[in-house]
Amino acid sequence: MEPMRDCPLFGGAFSAILPTGAIDVSDLRPVPDNQEVFCHPVTDQSLIVELLELQAHVQGEAAARYHFEDVGGVQGARAVHVESVQPLGLENLALRGCCQEAWVVSGKQQIAKENQQP
């Protein structure tokens, strides 16, 4: 298993555990303020953490799916597939006083990388 490190996100508001070799894409190109983007130097995989605006018309698991699918659509994804949506226990959140619920979405989106054709 690859060594891991704790990586602060959004100025230290929260953090994620990432492989030690993960590259912060903002060191290579501009990244929007609402995103943190990391890529793996060998596998061609990337991780994008994106802060999204509350959409009052969807809640709970449906909201998690909505945002995942919406981001894929905005990015021009050829395919978007939600594999699972799981509730995240509020006791696991540093922001638990600010949230009533939290969800983790796992899925795949087939999107062309910057400057590549789909």
Protein backbone atom coordinates (compact mmCIF):
# COMPACT_ATOMS: atom_id res chain seq x y z
CA MET A 1 0.00 0.00 0.00
CA GLU A 2 1.22 3.46 -0.90
CA PRO A 3 2.29 5.78 1.99
CA MET A 4 -0.32 8.41 2.88
CA ARG A 5 -0.26 11.97 4.22
CA ASP A 6 -2.76 14.34 5.77
CA CYS A 7 -3.40 17.16 3.30
CA PRO A 8 -5.13 20.42 4.34
CA LEU A 9 -7.88 21.60 2.00
CA PHE A 10 -9.35 25.06 1.42
CA GLY A 11 -6.81 26.85 3.58
CA GLY A 12 -7.03 24.25 6.35
CA ALA A 13 -10.83 24.31 6.77
CA PHE A 14 -10.67 20.50 6.58
CA SER A 15 -8.29 17.85 5.34
CA ALA A 16 -8.05 14.61 3.39
CA ILE A 17 -5.69 11.69 3.56
CA LEU A 18 -3.93 11.34 0.21
CA PRO A 19 -1.07 9.28 -1.19
CA THR A 20 2.27 10.93 -0.41
CA GLY A 21 3.02 11.31 -4.12
CA ALA A 22 -0.27 13.07 -4.95
CA ILE A 23 0.42 16.25 -6.91
CA ASP A 24 -1.48 19.45 -6.11
CA VAL A 25 -2.70 20.52 -9.55
CA SER A 26 -2.85 24.17 -8.45
CA ASP A 27 0.97 24.08 -8.53
CA LEU A 28 0.72 23.34 -12.27
CA ARG A 29 -2.27 25.36 -13.51
CA PRO A 30 -5.07 27.60 -12.21
CA VAL A 31 -7.78 25.80 -10.21
CA PRO A 32 -11.09 27.49 -9.29
CA ASP A 33 -11.39 28.67 -5.66
CA ASN A 34 -14.19 26.18 -4.99
CA GLN A 35 -11.99 23.19 -5.96
CA GLU A 36 -8.98 21.29 -4.68
CA VAL A 37 -7.50 19.05 -7.39
CA PHE A 38 -4.86 16.36 -6.99
CA CYS A 39 -3.46 13.89 -9.48
CA HIS A 40 -1.48 10.69 -9.10
CA PRO A 41 1.88 10.81 -10.90
CA VAL A 42 1.69 7.22 -12.19
CA THR A 43 -1.94 6.08 -12.55
CA ASP A 44 -3.40 9.08 -14.45
CA GLN A 45 -6.15 9.28 -11.80
CA SER A 46 -7.26 12.51 -10.19
CA LEU A 47 -9.24 13.55 -7.14
CA ILE A 48 -11.35 16.70 -7.20
CA VAL A 49 -12.91 18.08 -4.03
CA GLU A 50 -15.49 20.69 -4.95
CA LEU A 51 -17.58 22.97 -2.74
CA LEU A 52 -21.08 23.26 -4.18
CA GLU A 53 -24.02 25.56 -3.60
CA LEU A 54 -27.01 24.25 -1.63
CA GLN A 55 -29.90 23.25 -3.89
CA ALA A 56 -33.08 23.44 -1.79
CA HIS A 57 -35.15 21.38 -4.27
CA VAL A 58 -33.19 18.18 -3.50
CA GLN A 59 -32.28 16.72 -0.12
CA GLY A 60 -30.42 13.81 1.41
CA GLU A 61 -29.20 11.03 -0.87
CA ALA A 62 -30.97 12.64 -3.84
CA ALA A 63 -28.94 15.83 -3.31
CA ALA A 64 -25.67 13.90 -3.30
CA ARG A 65 -26.60 12.20 -6.58
CA TYR A 66 -27.84 15.48 -8.06
CA HIS A 67 -24.55 17.28 -7.42
CA PHE A 68 -22.41 14.41 -8.74
CA GLU A 69 -24.45 14.17 -11.93
CA ASP A 70 -24.66 17.97 -12.31
CA VAL A 71 -20.89 18.40 -12.07
CA GLY A 72 -20.46 15.69 -14.71
CA GLY A 73 -22.90 17.48 -17.00
CA VAL A 74 -21.22 20.86 -16.54
CA GLN A 75 -17.84 19.27 -17.31
CA GLY A 76 -19.19 17.64 -20.48
CA ALA A 77 -18.87 14.06 -19.23
CA ARG A 78 -19.56 11.34 -21.79
CA ALA A 79 -20.62 9.03 -18.97
CA VAL A 80 -21.60 9.56 -15.33
CA HIS A 81 -22.15 6.56 -13.06
CA VAL A 82 -22.97 6.74 -9.34
CA GLU A 83 -21.67 3.57 -7.71
CA SER A 84 -22.83 4.27 -4.15
CA VAL A 85 -24.20 6.96 -1.88
CA GLN A 86 -23.62 6.49 1.84
CA PRO A 87 -24.49 8.68 4.82
CA LEU A 88 -21.50 9.99 6.74
CA GLY A 89 -21.92 9.98 10.51
CA LEU A 90 -21.93 13.53 11.85
CA GLU A 91 -19.64 12.42 14.68
CA ASN A 92 -16.94 12.05 11.98
CA LEU A 93 -17.19 15.68 10.87
CA ALA A 94 -15.15 18.60 12.14
CA LEU A 95 -18.07 20.83 11.03
CA ARG A 96 -20.73 18.77 12.82
CA GLY A 97 -22.22 21.89 14.43
CA CYS A 98 -22.88 23.33 10.96
CA CYS A 99 -24.40 20.27 9.24
CA GLN A 100 -27.59 18.30 9.66
CA GLU A 101 -26.41 15.55 7.32
CA ALA A 102 -23.47 14.56 5.15
CA TRP A 103 -23.11 12.10 2.27
CA VAL A 104 -20.27 10.40 0.46
CA VAL A 105 -20.78 9.69 -3.24
CA SER A 106 -18.56 7.22 -5.05
CA GLY A 107 -18.75 7.06 -8.79
CA LYS A 108 -17.06 7.51 -12.12
CA GLN A 109 -17.24 10.23 -14.71
CA GLN A 110 -15.70 9.91 -18.14
CA ILE A 111 -14.38 13.40 -18.87
CA ALA A 112 -11.66 14.63 -21.20
CA LYS A 113 -8.71 16.16 -19.40
CA GLU A 114 -7.74 19.76 -20.08
CA ASN A 115 -6.81 20.33 -23.76
CA GLN A 116 -7.88 16.80 -24.80
CA GLN A 117 -10.79 15.70 -26.94
CA PRO A 118 -13.53 13.66 -25.22
